[in-house]
């Protein structure tokens, strides 16, 4: 199986690398990686897929670590809405 730069598996790898960067204090790089993974997942699955919600929550967590509350809250609210709709 071939995995390219826009494959959902690449998004997972980007997210994992973002957590590594986050833990090393490279928050700007982590944010860029999470956003890239989010874009891939939105294109692959649609904007209302639970995989997108996980990326949104990860980005919100990163913003919360930086006390960027006004940016974190809408992302978490969107993630909750997506997950809630998926459960209905």
C-alpha atoms as a PDB file:
ATOM      1  CA  UNK A   1       0.000   0.000   0.000  1.00  0.00           C
ATOM      2  CA  UNK A   2       1.314   3.393  -0.926  1.00  0.00           C
ATOM      3  CA  UNK A   3       0.982   6.280   1.514  1.00  0.00           C
ATOM      4  CA  UNK A   4       1.590   9.786   0.266  1.00  0.00           C
ATOM      5  CA  UNK A   5       1.649  13.288   1.720  1.00  0.00           C
ATOM      6  CA  UNK A   6      -2.158  13.609   1.664  1.00  0.00           C
ATOM      7  CA  UNK A   7      -3.035  10.168   3.032  1.00  0.00           C
ATOM      8  CA  UNK A   8      -4.853   9.878   6.389  1.00  0.00           C
ATOM      9  CA  UNK A   9      -2.008   7.722   7.726  1.00  0.00           C
ATOM     10  CA  UNK A  10       0.314  10.648   7.059  1.00  0.00           C
ATOM     11  CA  UNK A  11      -1.991  12.812   9.170  1.00  0.00           C
ATOM     12  CA  UNK A  12      -1.600  10.341  12.040  1.00  0.00           C
ATOM     13  CA  UNK A  13       2.181  10.454  11.733  1.00  0.00           C
ATOM     14  CA  UNK A  14       2.108  14.259  11.650  1.00  0.00           C
ATOM     15  CA  UNK A  15       0.007  14.300  14.802  1.00  0.00           C
ATOM     16  CA  UNK A  16       2.442  11.965  16.551  1.00  0.00           C
ATOM     17  CA  UNK A  17       5.378  14.110  15.501  1.00  0.00           C
ATOM     18  CA  UNK A  18       3.518  17.188  16.754  1.00  0.00           C
ATOM     19  CA  UNK A  19       3.240  15.631  20.220  1.00  0.00           C
ATOM     20  CA  UNK A  20       6.966  14.970  20.195  1.00  0.00           C
ATOM     21  CA  UNK A  21       7.633  18.592  19.247  1.00  0.00           C
ATOM     22  CA  UNK A  22       5.180  19.812  21.863  1.00  0.00           C
ATOM     23  CA  UNK A  23       6.910  17.820  24.570  1.00  0.00           C
ATOM     24  CA  UNK A  24      10.247  19.241  23.462  1.00  0.00           C
ATOM     25  CA  UNK A  25       8.882  22.780  23.694  1.00  0.00           C
ATOM     26  CA  UNK A  26       8.724  23.353  19.930  1.00  0.00           C
ATOM     27  CA  UNK A  27       5.185  24.695  20.051  1.00  0.00           C
ATOM     28  CA  UNK A  28       5.261  26.580  16.763  1.00  0.00           C
ATOM     29  CA  UNK A  29       6.354  23.473  14.878  1.00  0.00           C
ATOM     30  CA  UNK A  30       3.807  21.362  16.747  1.00  0.00           C
ATOM     31  CA  UNK A  31       1.030  23.752  15.748  1.00  0.00           C
ATOM     32  CA  UNK A  32       2.051  23.627  12.100  1.00  0.00           C
ATOM     33  CA  UNK A  33       2.097  19.824  12.120  1.00  0.00           C
ATOM     34  CA  UNK A  34      -1.307  19.537  13.797  1.00  0.00           C
ATOM     35  CA  UNK A  35      -2.781  22.008  11.306  1.00  0.00           C
ATOM     36  CA  UNK A  36      -1.324  20.060   8.395  1.00  0.00           C
ATOM     37  CA  UNK A  37      -2.769  16.823   9.753  1.00  0.00           C
ATOM     38  CA  UNK A  38      -6.120  18.529  10.336  1.00  0.00           C
ATOM     39  CA  UNK A  39      -6.206  19.699   6.733  1.00  0.00           C
ATOM     40  CA  UNK A  40      -5.483  16.190   5.460  1.00  0.00           C
ATOM     41  CA  UNK A  41      -8.185  14.653   7.629  1.00  0.00           C
ATOM     42  CA  UNK A  42     -10.769  17.270   6.636  1.00  0.00           C
ATOM     43  CA  UNK A  43     -10.046  16.623   2.953  1.00  0.00           C
ATOM     44  CA  UNK A  44     -10.018  12.839   3.411  1.00  0.00           C
ATOM     45  CA  UNK A  45     -12.999  12.360   5.714  1.00  0.00           C
ATOM     46  CA  UNK A  46     -14.976  15.606   5.654  1.00  0.00           C
ATOM     47  CA  UNK A  47     -15.144  18.346   8.265  1.00  0.00           C
ATOM     48  CA  UNK A  48     -17.580  16.476  10.525  1.00  0.00           C
ATOM     49  CA  UNK A  49     -15.676  13.197  10.974  1.00  0.00           C
ATOM     50  CA  UNK A  50     -14.570  12.047  14.465  1.00  0.00           C
ATOM     51  CA  UNK A  51     -10.939  11.879  13.272  1.00  0.00           C
ATOM     52  CA  UNK A  52     -11.189  15.610  12.595  1.00  0.00           C
ATOM     53  CA  UNK A  53     -12.533  16.111  16.126  1.00  0.00           C
ATOM     54  CA  UNK A  54      -9.399  14.461  17.551  1.00  0.00           C
ATOM     55  CA  UNK A  55      -7.177  16.854  15.626  1.00  0.00           C
ATOM     56  CA  UNK A  56      -9.264  19.818  16.758  1.00  0.00           C
ATOM     57  CA  UNK A  57      -8.978  18.711  20.382  1.00  0.00           C
ATOM     58  CA  UNK A  58      -5.225  18.264  20.016  1.00  0.00           C
ATOM     59  CA  UNK A  59      -4.862  21.750  18.592  1.00  0.00           C
ATOM     60  CA  UNK A  60      -7.038  23.158  21.370  1.00  0.00           C
ATOM     61  CA  UNK A  61      -4.863  21.432  23.974  1.00  0.00           C
ATOM     62  CA  UNK A  62      -1.769  22.974  22.421  1.00  0.00           C
ATOM     63  CA  UNK A  63      -3.398  26.419  22.524  1.00  0.00           C
ATOM     64  CA  UNK A  64      -4.454  25.893  26.139  1.00  0.00           C
ATOM     65  CA  UNK A  65      -0.832  25.121  27.080  1.00  0.00           C
ATOM     66  CA  UNK A  66       0.013  28.538  25.676  1.00  0.00           C
ATOM     67  CA  UNK A  67      -2.960  30.171  27.433  1.00  0.00           C
ATOM     68  CA  UNK A  68      -4.508  30.978  24.067  1.00  0.00           C
ATOM     69  CA  UNK A  69      -7.946  30.410  25.545  1.00  0.00           C
ATOM     70  CA  UNK A  70      -9.966  32.332  22.960  1.00  0.00           C
ATOM     71  CA  UNK A  71      -8.510  30.129  20.221  1.00  0.00           C
ATOM     72  CA  UNK A  72      -8.787  26.870  22.167  1.00  0.00           C
ATOM     73  CA  UNK A  73     -12.432  27.120  23.218  1.00  0.00           C
ATOM     74  CA  UNK A  74     -14.099  27.181  19.770  1.00  0.00           C
ATOM     75  CA  UNK A  75     -11.972  24.244  18.656  1.00  0.00           C
ATOM     76  CA  UNK A  76     -13.061  22.196  21.663  1.00  0.00           C
ATOM     77  CA  UNK A  77     -16.685  23.175  21.143  1.00  0.00           C
ATOM     78  CA  UNK A  78     -16.469  22.083  17.500  1.00  0.00           C
ATOM     79  CA  UNK A  79     -14.820  18.782  18.522  1.00  0.00           C
ATOM     80  CA  UNK A  80     -17.580  18.105  21.065  1.00  0.00           C
ATOM     81  CA  UNK A  81     -20.260  18.891  18.470  1.00  0.00           C
ATOM     82  CA  UNK A  82     -18.687  16.505  15.964  1.00  0.00           C
ATOM     83  CA  UNK A  83     -18.356  13.700  18.524  1.00  0.00           C
ATOM     84  CA  UNK A  84     -21.883  14.258  19.820  1.00  0.00           C
ATOM     85  CA  UNK A  85     -23.332  14.095  16.314  1.00  0.00           C
ATOM     86  CA  UNK A  86     -21.366  10.914  15.620  1.00  0.00           C
ATOM     87  CA  UNK A  87     -22.944   9.267  18.672  1.00  0.00           C
ATOM     88  CA  UNK A  88     -26.537  10.113  17.654  1.00  0.00           C
END
